Amino acid sequence: MNYLPREKKFMKSKSLLYFRYFSYIKPIAKLPIVKNYAPTIFTLLTATLLVFFAIKPTLETILVLQKKLADSNEVLQKITNKAQNLSLGRENYDNLDSSIKNKISQAVPDTVNLKSLISLLEQSARLSEASISALQIQPFVMDTKIEESIGTIQEISFIFNVEGNYDKLTLLLQNLKTSSRLISIDSLSLSKVTDSSSLIMSLSGKAYYLK
């Protein structure tokens, strides 16, 4: 049996491929319609491909710009709605009764007013007949509200330790809840005094003011 070298087999298969090409494609290429319009068709295809790849970056840029424009319009709409809500809120506030305005001003003053905060805590303890063991105001940056501007709410954190029986401490919490100044309690703990029926209550809280 005769075996052809690998190179000759490859050349033979390649020649067979070319033969099939010329057998099927070459007759078609000789048709008059193909001869007349093939250059034009190829030119149009080439021009189309070139134009496509030329304008592709431009199309991508346009799509990106349209997305950014849509996002900007959405942000602008939100800002417009916020401005309208603030304007409506300001109008509603101006229409409030003066007594209600005074209560709001006392609850959230436009100055730090540490003196009133300390007095309020001392008064709450005195009314509940509880004794103060510690009062600590946490460090903060003291700023006041800028005139003719929309204020932002700022916090004053404090730690307040008082001693008394359970009923007195409960009354003190109630006094803080109904106090003229807005106060929130973050955490609270109770511990028993040694050799006594009294309790020590340690609470951390916040008061607020407009900057």
N, C-alpha and C. Protein backbone atom coordinates (compact mmCIF):
# COMPACT_ATOMS: atom_id res chain seq x y z
N MET A 1 0.87 -1.20 0.00
CA MET A 1 0.00 0.00 0.00
C MET A 1 0.89 1.23 0.00
N ASN A 2 0.52 2.21 -0.84
CA ASN A 2 1.30 3.44 -0.94
C ASN A 2 0.71 4.49 -0.01
N TYR A 3 1.57 5.15 0.77
CA TYR A 3 1.15 6.21 1.67
C TYR A 3 1.72 7.53 1.17
N LEU A 4 0.86 8.55 0.99
CA LEU A 4 1.32 9.87 0.58
C LEU A 4 1.86 10.62 1.77
N PRO A 5 2.91 11.37 1.61
CA PRO A 5 3.41 12.21 2.71
C PRO A 5 2.33 13.19 3.14
N ARG A 6 2.43 13.66 4.39
CA ARG A 6 1.44 14.58 4.95
C ARG A 6 1.35 15.87 4.13
N GLU A 7 2.50 16.39 3.68
CA GLU A 7 2.49 17.64 2.90
C GLU A 7 1.73 17.47 1.60
N LYS A 8 1.93 16.29 0.96
CA LYS A 8 1.24 16.06 -0.30
C LYS A 8 -0.27 15.93 -0.10
N LYS A 9 -0.65 15.28 1.03
CA LYS A 9 -2.08 15.18 1.32
C LYS A 9 -2.69 16.56 1.50
N PHE A 10 -1.97 17.44 2.21
CA PHE A 10 -2.46 18.79 2.46
C PHE A 10 -2.60 19.56 1.14
N MET A 11 -1.58 19.42 0.29
CA MET A 11 -1.62 20.12 -1.00
C MET A 11 -2.76 19.60 -1.85
N LYS A 12 -2.98 18.28 -1.76
CA LYS A 12 -4.06 17.68 -2.55
C LYS A 12 -5.42 18.20 -2.10
N SER A 13 -5.63 18.25 -0.77
CA SER A 13 -6.92 18.74 -0.25
C SER A 13 -7.11 20.22 -0.57
N LYS A 14 -5.99 20.98 -0.54
CA LYS A 14 -6.08 22.40 -0.88
C LYS A 14 -6.43 22.59 -2.35
N SER A 15 -5.84 21.76 -3.20
CA SER A 15 -6.14 21.85 -4.64
C SER A 15 -7.59 21.49 -4.88
N LEU A 16 -8.09 20.50 -4.15
CA LEU A 16 -9.50 20.11 -4.28
C LEU A 16 -10.42 21.26 -3.87
N LEU A 17 -10.03 22.01 -2.83
CA LEU A 17 -10.82 23.16 -2.39
C LEU A 17 -10.87 24.23 -3.46
N TYR A 18 -9.72 24.54 -4.05
CA TYR A 18 -9.67 25.52 -5.13
C TYR A 18 -10.49 25.05 -6.34
N PHE A 19 -10.44 23.75 -6.59
CA PHE A 19 -11.20 23.21 -7.71
C PHE A 19 -12.69 23.43 -7.51
N ARG A 20 -13.16 23.15 -6.26
CA ARG A 20 -14.57 23.37 -5.97
C ARG A 20 -14.95 24.84 -6.09
N TYR A 21 -14.02 25.70 -5.66
CA TYR A 21 -14.29 27.13 -5.75
C TYR A 21 -14.48 27.55 -7.20
N PHE A 22 -13.57 27.16 -8.03
CA PHE A 22 -13.66 27.53 -9.44
C PHE A 22 -14.83 26.85 -10.12
N SER A 23 -15.22 25.65 -9.63
CA SER A 23 -16.34 24.93 -10.24
C SER A 23 -17.68 25.61 -9.96
N TYR A 24 -17.81 26.21 -8.75
CA TYR A 24 -19.10 26.79 -8.36
C TYR A 24 -19.13 28.32 -8.44
N ILE A 25 -18.03 28.96 -8.07
CA ILE A 25 -18.01 30.41 -7.99
C ILE A 25 -17.66 31.06 -9.32
N LYS A 26 -16.72 30.48 -10.01
CA LYS A 26 -16.24 31.12 -11.24
C LYS A 26 -17.35 31.26 -12.29
N PRO A 27 -18.20 30.23 -12.48
CA PRO A 27 -19.29 30.43 -13.45
C PRO A 27 -20.22 31.57 -13.06
N ILE A 28 -20.45 31.69 -11.74
CA ILE A 28 -21.34 32.78 -11.30
C ILE A 28 -20.70 34.13 -11.57
N ALA A 29 -19.39 34.21 -11.35
CA ALA A 29 -18.69 35.47 -11.57
C ALA A 29 -18.71 35.91 -13.03
N LYS A 30 -18.94 34.95 -13.94
CA LYS A 30 -18.96 35.29 -15.36
C LYS A 30 -20.30 35.79 -15.83
N LEU A 31 -21.32 35.71 -14.97
CA LEU A 31 -22.65 36.18 -15.37
C LEU A 31 -22.59 37.68 -15.65
N PRO A 32 -23.33 38.17 -16.65
CA PRO A 32 -23.29 39.60 -17.01
C PRO A 32 -23.73 40.52 -15.87
N ILE A 33 -24.79 40.10 -15.15
CA ILE A 33 -25.29 40.96 -14.08
C ILE A 33 -24.26 41.11 -12.97
N VAL A 34 -23.53 40.00 -12.70
CA VAL A 34 -22.50 40.06 -11.68
C VAL A 34 -21.34 40.93 -12.13
N LYS A 35 -20.97 40.78 -13.39
CA LYS A 35 -19.86 41.58 -13.93
C LYS A 35 -20.20 43.07 -13.90
N ASN A 36 -21.47 43.39 -14.19
CA ASN A 36 -21.86 44.81 -14.29
C ASN A 36 -22.02 45.48 -12.91
N TYR A 37 -22.58 44.74 -11.96
CA TYR A 37 -22.95 45.37 -10.68
C TYR A 37 -22.06 44.98 -9.50
N ALA A 38 -21.23 43.99 -9.68
CA ALA A 38 -20.37 43.55 -8.57
C ALA A 38 -19.48 44.67 -8.05
N PRO A 39 -18.77 45.45 -8.90
CA PRO A 39 -17.93 46.53 -8.38
C PRO A 39 -18.74 47.56 -7.59
N THR A 40 -19.94 47.86 -8.12
CA THR A 40 -20.77 48.85 -7.43
C THR A 40 -21.21 48.33 -6.06
N ILE A 41 -21.62 47.05 -6.04
CA ILE A 41 -22.08 46.45 -4.78
C ILE A 41 -20.94 46.42 -3.77
N PHE A 42 -19.76 45.99 -4.24
CA PHE A 42 -18.62 45.94 -3.33
C PHE A 42 -18.23 47.32 -2.83
N THR A 43 -18.35 48.31 -3.73
CA THR A 43 -18.02 49.68 -3.33
C THR A 43 -19.00 50.19 -2.27
N LEU A 44 -20.30 49.88 -2.50
CA LEU A 44 -21.30 50.30 -1.52
C LEU A 44 -21.10 49.60 -0.18
N LEU A 45 -20.80 48.31 -0.22
CA LEU A 45 -20.55 47.59 1.03
C LEU A 45 -19.35 48.15 1.77
N THR A 46 -18.29 48.43 1.01
CA THR A 46 -17.08 48.99 1.63
C THR A 46 -17.38 50.36 2.22
N ALA A 47 -18.11 51.19 1.45
CA ALA A 47 -18.44 52.53 1.95
C ALA A 47 -19.33 52.45 3.18
N THR A 48 -20.27 51.50 3.18
CA THR A 48 -21.17 51.34 4.33
C THR A 48 -20.39 50.95 5.58
N LEU A 49 -19.47 50.00 5.42
CA LEU A 49 -18.65 49.58 6.56
C LEU A 49 -17.80 50.73 7.09
N LEU A 50 -17.20 51.48 6.15
CA LEU A 50 -16.37 52.62 6.58
C LEU A 50 -17.20 53.67 7.31
N VAL A 51 -18.38 53.96 6.75
CA VAL A 51 -19.25 54.96 7.39
C VAL A 51 -19.69 54.48 8.77
N PHE A 52 -20.04 53.18 8.88
CA PHE A 52 -20.48 52.63 10.16
C PHE A 52 -19.41 52.78 11.23
N PHE A 53 -18.19 52.38 10.89
CA PHE A 53 -17.11 52.47 11.87
C PHE A 53 -16.70 53.92 12.14
N ALA A 54 -16.96 54.79 11.18
CA ALA A 54 -16.63 56.20 11.37
C ALA A 54 -17.61 56.89 12.31
N ILE A 55 -18.90 56.54 12.17
CA ILE A 55 -19.92 57.23 12.98
C ILE A 55 -20.21 56.49 14.28
N LYS A 56 -19.69 55.27 14.46
CA LYS A 56 -19.95 54.52 15.69
C LYS A 56 -19.54 55.30 16.94
N PRO A 57 -18.31 55.87 17.00
CA PRO A 57 -17.95 56.66 18.19
C PRO A 57 -18.88 57.84 18.42
N THR A 58 -19.32 58.47 17.33
CA THR A 58 -20.23 59.61 17.45
C THR A 58 -21.57 59.17 18.03
N LEU A 59 -22.07 58.02 17.53
CA LEU A 59 -23.34 57.50 18.06
C LEU A 59 -23.22 57.17 19.54
N GLU A 60 -22.09 56.57 19.93
CA GLU A 60 -21.89 56.23 21.34
C GLU A 60 -21.83 57.50 22.19
N THR A 61 -21.16 58.54 21.66
CA THR A 61 -21.09 59.81 22.38
C THR A 61 -22.47 60.43 22.54
N ILE A 62 -23.27 60.35 21.47
CA ILE A 62 -24.63 60.91 21.53
C ILE A 62 -25.46 60.18 22.58
N LEU A 63 -25.34 58.85 22.64
CA LEU A 63 -26.10 58.08 23.63
C LEU A 63 -25.68 58.44 25.05
N VAL A 64 -24.36 58.60 25.26
CA VAL A 64 -23.86 58.98 26.59
C VAL A 64 -24.38 60.36 26.98
N LEU A 65 -24.34 61.30 26.03
CA LEU A 65 -24.81 62.66 26.31
C LEU A 65 -26.31 62.67 26.60
N GLN A 66 -27.07 61.83 25.87
CA GLN A 66 -28.51 61.76 26.14
C GLN A 66 -28.78 61.22 27.53
N LYS A 67 -27.99 60.22 27.95
CA LYS A 67 -28.15 59.66 29.30
C LYS A 67 -27.83 60.73 30.35
N LYS A 68 -26.73 61.47 30.15
CA LYS A 68 -26.36 62.52 31.09
C LYS A 68 -27.43 63.61 31.14
N LEU A 69 -27.98 63.94 29.97
CA LEU A 69 -29.02 64.96 29.92
C LEU A 69 -30.26 64.51 30.67
N ALA A 70 -30.62 63.22 30.52
CA ALA A 70 -31.78 62.69 31.24
C ALA A 70 -31.54 62.72 32.75
N ASP A 71 -30.33 62.35 33.17
CA ASP A 71 -29.99 62.38 34.60
C ASP A 71 -30.02 63.82 35.13
N SER A 72 -29.50 64.76 34.33
CA SER A 72 -29.48 66.16 34.75
C SER A 72 -30.91 66.70 34.88
N ASN A 73 -31.77 66.33 33.94
CA ASN A 73 -33.16 66.78 34.01
C ASN A 73 -33.86 66.21 35.24
N GLU A 74 -33.53 64.95 35.60
CA GLU A 74 -34.12 64.34 36.78
C GLU A 74 -33.66 65.05 38.05
N VAL A 75 -32.36 65.37 38.11
CA VAL A 75 -31.84 66.09 39.27
C VAL A 75 -32.47 67.48 39.37
N LEU A 76 -32.57 68.15 38.21
CA LEU A 76 -33.17 69.48 38.19
C LEU A 76 -34.62 69.44 38.67
N GLN A 77 -35.35 68.39 38.26
CA GLN A 77 -36.74 68.27 38.69
C GLN A 77 -36.84 68.07 40.19
N LYS A 78 -35.92 67.26 40.75
CA LYS A 78 -35.91 67.05 42.20
C LYS A 78 -35.61 68.34 42.95
N ILE A 79 -34.63 69.11 42.42
CA ILE A 79 -34.28 70.38 43.06
C ILE A 79 -35.47 71.35 43.00
N THR A 80 -36.13 71.36 41.85
CA THR A 80 -37.29 72.25 41.69
C THR A 80 -38.40 71.86 42.67
N ASN A 81 -38.65 70.55 42.79
CA ASN A 81 -39.68 70.08 43.73
C ASN A 81 -39.31 70.42 45.17
N LYS A 82 -38.02 70.29 45.50
CA LYS A 82 -37.58 70.60 46.86
C LYS A 82 -37.75 72.09 47.15
N ALA A 83 -37.40 72.92 46.16
CA ALA A 83 -37.55 74.36 46.34
C ALA A 83 -39.02 74.73 46.53
N GLN A 84 -39.89 74.08 45.76
CA GLN A 84 -41.32 74.35 45.90
C GLN A 84 -41.84 73.90 47.27
N ASN A 85 -41.36 72.74 47.73
CA ASN A 85 -41.78 72.25 49.04
C ASN A 85 -41.30 73.16 50.16
N LEU A 86 -40.05 73.65 50.03
CA LEU A 86 -39.52 74.58 51.04
C LEU A 86 -40.31 75.88 51.06
N SER A 87 -40.64 76.35 49.86
CA SER A 87 -41.42 77.58 49.76
C SER A 87 -42.81 77.40 50.38
N LEU A 88 -43.42 76.24 50.11
CA LEU A 88 -44.73 75.95 50.69
C LEU A 88 -44.63 75.81 52.20
N GLY A 89 -43.55 75.13 52.67
CA GLY A 89 -43.36 74.98 54.11
C GLY A 89 -43.17 76.33 54.79
N ARG A 90 -42.39 77.20 54.15
CA ARG A 90 -42.19 78.54 54.71
C ARG A 90 -43.50 79.31 54.77
N GLU A 91 -44.31 79.18 53.74
CA GLU A 91 -45.60 79.87 53.71
C GLU A 91 -46.51 79.34 54.81
N ASN A 92 -46.52 78.01 54.99
CA ASN A 92 -47.35 77.42 56.05
C ASN A 92 -46.87 77.86 57.43
N TYR A 93 -45.54 77.94 57.60
CA TYR A 93 -45.00 78.37 58.89
C TYR A 93 -45.40 79.82 59.18
N ASP A 94 -45.32 80.68 58.17
CA ASP A 94 -45.69 82.09 58.37
C ASP A 94 -47.16 82.25 58.75
N ASN A 95 -47.98 81.29 58.32
CA ASN A 95 -49.41 81.38 58.61
C ASN A 95 -49.78 80.78 59.97
N LEU A 96 -48.79 80.21 60.67
CA LEU A 96 -49.09 79.62 61.98
C LEU A 96 -49.39 80.69 63.02
N ASP A 97 -50.13 80.29 64.03
CA ASP A 97 -50.41 81.19 65.15
C ASP A 97 -49.12 81.51 65.89
N SER A 98 -49.02 82.71 66.43
CA SER A 98 -47.79 83.15 67.09
C SER A 98 -47.44 82.27 68.29
N SER A 99 -48.45 81.75 68.99
CA SER A 99 -48.17 80.88 70.15
C SER A 99 -47.50 79.58 69.71
N ILE A 100 -47.95 79.06 68.57
CA ILE A 100 -47.34 77.83 68.04
C ILE A 100 -45.91 78.10 67.60
N LYS A 101 -45.69 79.27 67.00
CA LYS A 101 -44.33 79.64 66.59
C LYS A 101 -43.40 79.73 67.80
N ASN A 102 -43.92 80.28 68.88
CA ASN A 102 -43.10 80.40 70.10
C ASN A 102 -42.72 79.03 70.65
N LYS A 103 -43.67 78.09 70.60
CA LYS A 103 -43.38 76.74 71.08
C LYS A 103 -42.33 76.06 70.21
N ILE A 104 -42.42 76.26 68.91
CA ILE A 104 -41.42 75.69 67.99
C ILE A 104 -40.06 76.30 68.26
N SER A 105 -40.04 77.62 68.47
CA SER A 105 -38.79 78.31 68.74
C SER A 105 -38.16 77.85 70.05
N GLN A 106 -38.98 77.55 71.04
CA GLN A 106 -38.45 77.05 72.31
C GLN A 106 -37.95 75.61 72.18
N ALA A 107 -38.67 74.81 71.38
CA ALA A 107 -38.28 73.41 71.21
C ALA A 107 -36.96 73.28 70.46
N VAL A 108 -36.80 74.08 69.40
CA VAL A 108 -35.57 74.08 68.60
C VAL A 108 -35.15 75.53 68.39
N PRO A 109 -34.40 76.11 69.33
CA PRO A 109 -34.01 77.53 69.21
C PRO A 109 -32.99 77.73 68.09
N ASP A 110 -32.83 78.99 67.70
CA ASP A 110 -31.86 79.29 66.63
C ASP A 110 -30.49 79.65 67.19
N THR A 111 -30.28 79.38 68.47
CA THR A 111 -28.96 79.52 69.09
C THR A 111 -28.70 78.29 69.95
N VAL A 112 -27.45 78.08 70.33
CA VAL A 112 -27.11 76.92 71.15
C VAL A 112 -27.85 76.97 72.49
N ASN A 113 -27.75 78.10 73.18
CA ASN A 113 -28.48 78.34 74.43
C ASN A 113 -28.26 77.21 75.44
N LEU A 114 -27.00 77.00 75.80
CA LEU A 114 -26.67 75.96 76.77
C LEU A 114 -27.28 76.23 78.14
N LYS A 115 -27.38 77.51 78.49
CA LYS A 115 -27.91 77.87 79.80
C LYS A 115 -29.33 77.34 79.98
N SER A 116 -30.17 77.48 78.94
CA SER A 116 -31.56 77.02 79.06
C SER A 116 -31.61 75.49 79.10
N LEU A 117 -30.70 74.83 78.40
CA LEU A 117 -30.67 73.37 78.43
C LEU A 117 -30.30 72.86 79.82
N ILE A 118 -29.26 73.44 80.41
CA ILE A 118 -28.83 73.02 81.74
C ILE A 118 -29.93 73.31 82.77
N SER A 119 -30.55 74.49 82.65
CA SER A 119 -31.64 74.85 83.57
C SER A 119 -32.80 73.87 83.45
N LEU A 120 -33.10 73.47 82.22
CA LEU A 120 -34.21 72.54 82.00
C LEU A 120 -33.92 71.18 82.66
N LEU A 121 -32.69 70.68 82.52
CA LEU A 121 -32.34 69.39 83.13
C LEU A 121 -32.38 69.48 84.66
N GLU A 122 -31.86 70.60 85.18
CA GLU A 122 -31.88 70.77 86.64
C GLU A 122 -33.31 70.89 87.16
N GLN A 123 -34.15 71.61 86.43
CA GLN A 123 -35.53 71.77 86.85
C GLN A 123 -36.29 70.44 86.81
N SER A 124 -36.03 69.62 85.77
CA SER A 124 -36.68 68.32 85.67
C SER A 124 -36.31 67.43 86.86
N ALA A 125 -35.04 67.48 87.26
CA ALA A 125 -34.61 66.70 88.42
C ALA A 125 -35.24 67.23 89.70
N ARG A 126 -35.33 68.55 89.84
CA ARG A 126 -35.89 69.16 91.05
C ARG A 126 -37.38 68.85 91.17
N LEU A 127 -38.12 68.93 90.06
CA LEU A 127 -39.55 68.65 90.10
C LEU A 127 -39.85 67.20 90.45
N SER A 128 -38.95 66.30 90.08
CA SER A 128 -39.15 64.88 90.37
C SER A 128 -38.50 64.47 91.68
N GLU A 129 -37.88 65.45 92.38
CA GLU A 129 -37.22 65.22 93.67
C GLU A 129 -36.09 64.18 93.55
N ALA A 130 -35.40 64.23 92.42
CA ALA A 130 -34.22 63.38 92.20
C ALA A 130 -32.98 64.26 92.30
N SER A 131 -31.88 63.69 92.73
CA SER A 131 -30.65 64.47 92.89
C SER A 131 -29.70 64.19 91.72
N ILE A 132 -29.08 65.27 91.25
CA ILE A 132 -28.16 65.16 90.12
C ILE A 132 -26.78 64.76 90.65
N SER A 133 -26.22 63.71 90.05
CA SER A 133 -24.87 63.29 90.43
C SER A 133 -23.83 63.69 89.38
N ALA A 134 -24.26 63.90 88.14
CA ALA A 134 -23.31 64.32 87.09
C ALA A 134 -24.09 64.86 85.91
N LEU A 135 -23.52 65.87 85.28
CA LEU A 135 -24.06 66.42 84.03
C LEU A 135 -22.88 66.83 83.16
N GLN A 136 -22.80 66.23 82.00
CA GLN A 136 -21.67 66.48 81.11
C GLN A 136 -22.18 66.80 79.71
N ILE A 137 -21.76 67.95 79.19
CA ILE A 137 -22.08 68.34 77.81
C ILE A 137 -20.91 67.91 76.92
N GLN A 138 -21.22 67.15 75.89
CA GLN A 138 -20.17 66.68 74.99
C GLN A 138 -19.66 67.82 74.11
N PRO A 139 -18.36 67.78 73.74
CA PRO A 139 -17.79 68.86 72.90
C PRO A 139 -18.54 68.99 71.56
N PHE A 140 -18.69 70.21 71.11
CA PHE A 140 -19.34 70.47 69.82
C PHE A 140 -18.86 71.82 69.31
N VAL A 141 -19.06 72.04 68.01
CA VAL A 141 -18.70 73.31 67.38
C VAL A 141 -19.87 74.27 67.55
N MET A 142 -19.62 75.41 68.18
CA MET A 142 -20.69 76.36 68.47
C MET A 142 -20.87 77.32 67.29
N ASP A 143 -21.96 77.11 66.55
CA ASP A 143 -22.32 77.99 65.44
C ASP A 143 -23.73 78.50 65.66
N THR A 144 -24.00 79.65 65.11
CA THR A 144 -25.36 80.21 65.18
C THR A 144 -25.95 80.27 63.79
N LYS A 145 -27.24 80.37 63.73
CA LYS A 145 -27.94 80.40 62.46
C LYS A 145 -27.59 81.65 61.67
N ILE A 146 -27.32 81.46 60.37
CA ILE A 146 -27.03 82.59 59.49
C ILE A 146 -28.34 83.25 59.09
N GLU A 147 -28.38 84.56 59.21
CA GLU A 147 -29.60 85.29 58.89
C GLU A 147 -30.00 85.10 57.42
N GLU A 148 -31.31 85.09 57.19
CA GLU A 148 -31.88 84.97 55.84
C GLU A 148 -31.42 83.71 55.13
N SER A 149 -31.23 82.64 55.86
CA SER A 149 -30.85 81.36 55.25
C SER A 149 -31.69 80.26 55.87
N ILE A 150 -31.81 79.14 55.14
CA ILE A 150 -32.56 78.01 55.64
C ILE A 150 -31.68 77.26 56.64
N GLY A 151 -32.12 77.21 57.89
CA GLY A 151 -31.29 76.59 58.92
C GLY A 151 -31.27 75.07 58.82
N THR A 152 -30.21 74.50 59.36
CA THR A 152 -30.11 73.05 59.46
C THR A 152 -30.05 72.69 60.94
N ILE A 153 -30.66 71.57 61.29
CA ILE A 153 -30.73 71.15 62.70
C ILE A 153 -29.39 70.56 63.14
N GLN A 154 -28.87 71.07 64.25
CA GLN A 154 -27.63 70.58 64.84
C GLN A 154 -27.93 69.96 66.21
N GLU A 155 -27.03 69.11 66.68
CA GLU A 155 -27.24 68.38 67.93
C GLU A 155 -26.28 68.82 69.02
N ILE A 156 -26.77 68.76 70.25
CA ILE A 156 -25.93 68.93 71.44
C ILE A 156 -26.09 67.66 72.27
N SER A 157 -25.03 66.87 72.37
CA SER A 157 -25.10 65.62 73.12
C SER A 157 -24.73 65.86 74.59
N PHE A 158 -25.38 65.13 75.48
CA PHE A 158 -25.09 65.28 76.91
C PHE A 158 -25.27 63.94 77.62
N ILE A 159 -24.62 63.83 78.78
CA ILE A 159 -24.78 62.68 79.67
C ILE A 159 -25.31 63.21 81.00
N PHE A 160 -26.39 62.61 81.48
CA PHE A 160 -27.10 63.11 82.66
C PHE A 160 -27.29 61.96 83.64
N ASN A 161 -26.67 62.07 84.83
CA ASN A 161 -26.79 61.04 85.87
C ASN A 161 -27.57 61.60 87.06
N VAL A 162 -28.61 60.88 87.47
CA VAL A 162 -29.44 61.32 88.59
C VAL A 162 -29.70 60.13 89.52
N GLU A 163 -30.01 60.45 90.79
CA GLU A 163 -30.24 59.41 91.79
C GLU A 163 -31.61 59.61 92.43
N GLY A 164 -32.33 58.52 92.63
CA GLY A 164 -33.64 58.59 93.26
C GLY A 164 -34.30 57.23 93.20
N ASN A 165 -35.49 57.11 93.78
CA ASN A 165 -36.20 55.84 93.68
C ASN A 165 -36.84 55.71 92.29
N TYR A 166 -37.43 54.55 92.06
CA TYR A 166 -37.95 54.24 90.73
C TYR A 166 -39.03 55.24 90.29
N ASP A 167 -39.95 55.58 91.18
CA ASP A 167 -41.04 56.49 90.84
C ASP A 167 -40.51 57.88 90.48
N LYS A 168 -39.52 58.34 91.25
CA LYS A 168 -38.96 59.67 90.99
C LYS A 168 -38.24 59.72 89.64
N LEU A 169 -37.52 58.67 89.33
CA LEU A 169 -36.80 58.62 88.05
C LEU A 169 -37.77 58.52 86.88
N THR A 170 -38.87 57.79 87.10
CA THR A 170 -39.89 57.70 86.05
C THR A 170 -40.53 59.07 85.80
N LEU A 171 -40.78 59.80 86.89
CA LEU A 171 -41.35 61.15 86.77
C LEU A 171 -40.37 62.09 86.06
N LEU A 172 -39.09 61.94 86.32
CA LEU A 172 -38.08 62.77 85.66
C LEU A 172 -38.11 62.53 84.15
N LEU A 173 -38.21 61.29 83.74
CA LEU A 173 -38.27 60.98 82.30
C LEU A 173 -39.51 61.59 81.67
N GLN A 174 -40.61 61.57 82.41
CA GLN A 174 -41.85 62.17 81.90
C GLN A 174 -41.68 63.69 81.76
N ASN A 175 -40.98 64.30 82.72
CA ASN A 175 -40.74 65.75 82.63
C ASN A 175 -39.88 66.10 81.41
N LEU A 176 -38.90 65.28 81.16
CA LEU A 176 -38.05 65.52 79.98
C LEU A 176 -38.86 65.36 78.69
N LYS A 177 -39.77 64.39 78.69
CA LYS A 177 -40.58 64.14 77.50
C LYS A 177 -41.48 65.32 77.18
N THR A 178 -42.01 65.98 78.22
CA THR A 178 -42.95 67.08 78.01
C THR A 178 -42.30 68.45 78.17
N SER A 179 -40.99 68.50 78.21
CA SER A 179 -40.29 69.78 78.40
C SER A 179 -40.46 70.68 77.18
N SER A 180 -40.25 71.97 77.39
CA SER A 180 -40.43 72.94 76.30
C SER A 180 -39.39 72.78 75.20
N ARG A 181 -38.21 72.28 75.58
CA ARG A 181 -37.16 72.09 74.57
C ARG A 181 -37.16 70.63 74.11
N LEU A 182 -36.99 70.43 72.81
CA LEU A 182 -37.00 69.09 72.24
C LEU A 182 -35.76 68.32 72.68
N ILE A 183 -35.99 67.19 73.34
CA ILE A 183 -34.89 66.36 73.84
C ILE A 183 -35.17 64.91 73.45
N SER A 184 -34.15 64.25 72.93
CA SER A 184 -34.27 62.83 72.62
C SER A 184 -33.28 62.06 73.47
N ILE A 185 -33.68 60.87 73.91
CA ILE A 185 -32.82 60.03 74.74
C ILE A 185 -32.29 58.88 73.89
N ASP A 186 -30.97 58.77 73.83
CA ASP A 186 -30.33 57.72 73.02
C ASP A 186 -30.20 56.41 73.80
N SER A 187 -29.79 56.50 75.04
CA SER A 187 -29.61 55.29 75.85
C SER A 187 -29.86 55.61 77.32
N LEU A 188 -30.19 54.56 78.07
CA LEU A 188 -30.51 54.74 79.48
C LEU A 188 -30.11 53.46 80.24
N SER A 189 -29.54 53.65 81.42
CA SER A 189 -29.18 52.50 82.25
C SER A 189 -29.49 52.80 83.71
N LEU A 190 -29.84 51.75 84.45
CA LEU A 190 -30.16 51.87 85.87
C LEU A 190 -29.23 50.95 86.66
N SER A 191 -28.78 51.45 87.80
CA SER A 191 -27.96 50.63 88.68
C SER A 191 -28.38 50.92 90.13
N LYS A 192 -28.29 49.91 90.96
CA LYS A 192 -28.74 50.04 92.35
C LYS A 192 -27.61 50.60 93.22
N VAL A 193 -27.98 51.52 94.11
CA VAL A 193 -27.01 52.08 95.05
C VAL A 193 -26.81 51.09 96.19
N THR A 194 -25.55 50.84 96.54
CA THR A 194 -25.23 49.88 97.61
C THR A 194 -25.83 50.34 98.95
N ASP A 195 -26.43 49.41 99.67
CA ASP A 195 -27.02 49.68 101.00
C ASP A 195 -28.06 50.80 100.94
N SER A 196 -28.84 50.83 99.85
CA SER A 196 -29.87 51.87 99.72
C SER A 196 -30.94 51.37 98.75
N SER A 197 -32.13 51.95 98.90
CA SER A 197 -33.21 51.60 97.98
C SER A 197 -33.21 52.50 96.74
N SER A 198 -32.29 53.42 96.69
CA SER A 198 -32.21 54.36 95.57
C SER A 198 -31.57 53.70 94.35
N LEU A 199 -31.85 54.31 93.22
CA LEU A 199 -31.26 53.88 91.95
C LEU A 199 -30.50 55.05 91.33
N ILE A 200 -29.47 54.71 90.57
CA ILE A 200 -28.77 55.73 89.79
C ILE A 200 -29.13 55.51 88.32
N MET A 201 -29.67 56.55 87.70
CA MET A 201 -30.03 56.48 86.28
C MET A 201 -29.03 57.31 85.48
N SER A 202 -28.43 56.66 84.51
CA SER A 202 -27.50 57.35 83.61
C SER A 202 -28.11 57.35 82.21
N LEU A 203 -28.34 58.53 81.69
CA LEU A 203 -28.92 58.61 80.34
C LEU A 203 -28.06 59.52 79.46
N SER A 204 -27.98 59.15 78.21
CA SER A 204 -27.33 60.01 77.21
C SER A 204 -28.40 60.46 76.24
N GLY A 205 -28.39 61.74 75.93
CA GLY A 205 -29.42 62.29 75.07
C GLY A 205 -28.91 63.42 74.20
N LYS A 206 -29.84 64.02 73.48
CA LYS A 206 -29.51 65.12 72.58
C LYS A 206 -30.55 66.22 72.70
N ALA A 207 -30.07 67.45 72.60
CA ALA A 207 -30.95 68.61 72.40
C ALA A 207 -30.60 69.19 71.03
N TYR A 208 -31.46 70.02 70.50
CA TYR A 208 -31.28 70.48 69.12
C TYR A 208 -31.37 72.00 69.03
N TYR A 209 -30.75 72.52 67.98
CA TYR A 209 -30.85 73.95 67.68
C TYR A 209 -30.64 74.14 66.18
N LEU A 210 -31.07 75.31 65.69
CA LEU A 210 -30.93 75.61 64.26
C LEU A 210 -29.64 76.36 64.01
N LYS A 211 -28.91 75.89 63.03
CA LYS A 211 -27.66 76.57 62.66
C LYS A 211 -27.90 77.46 61.45
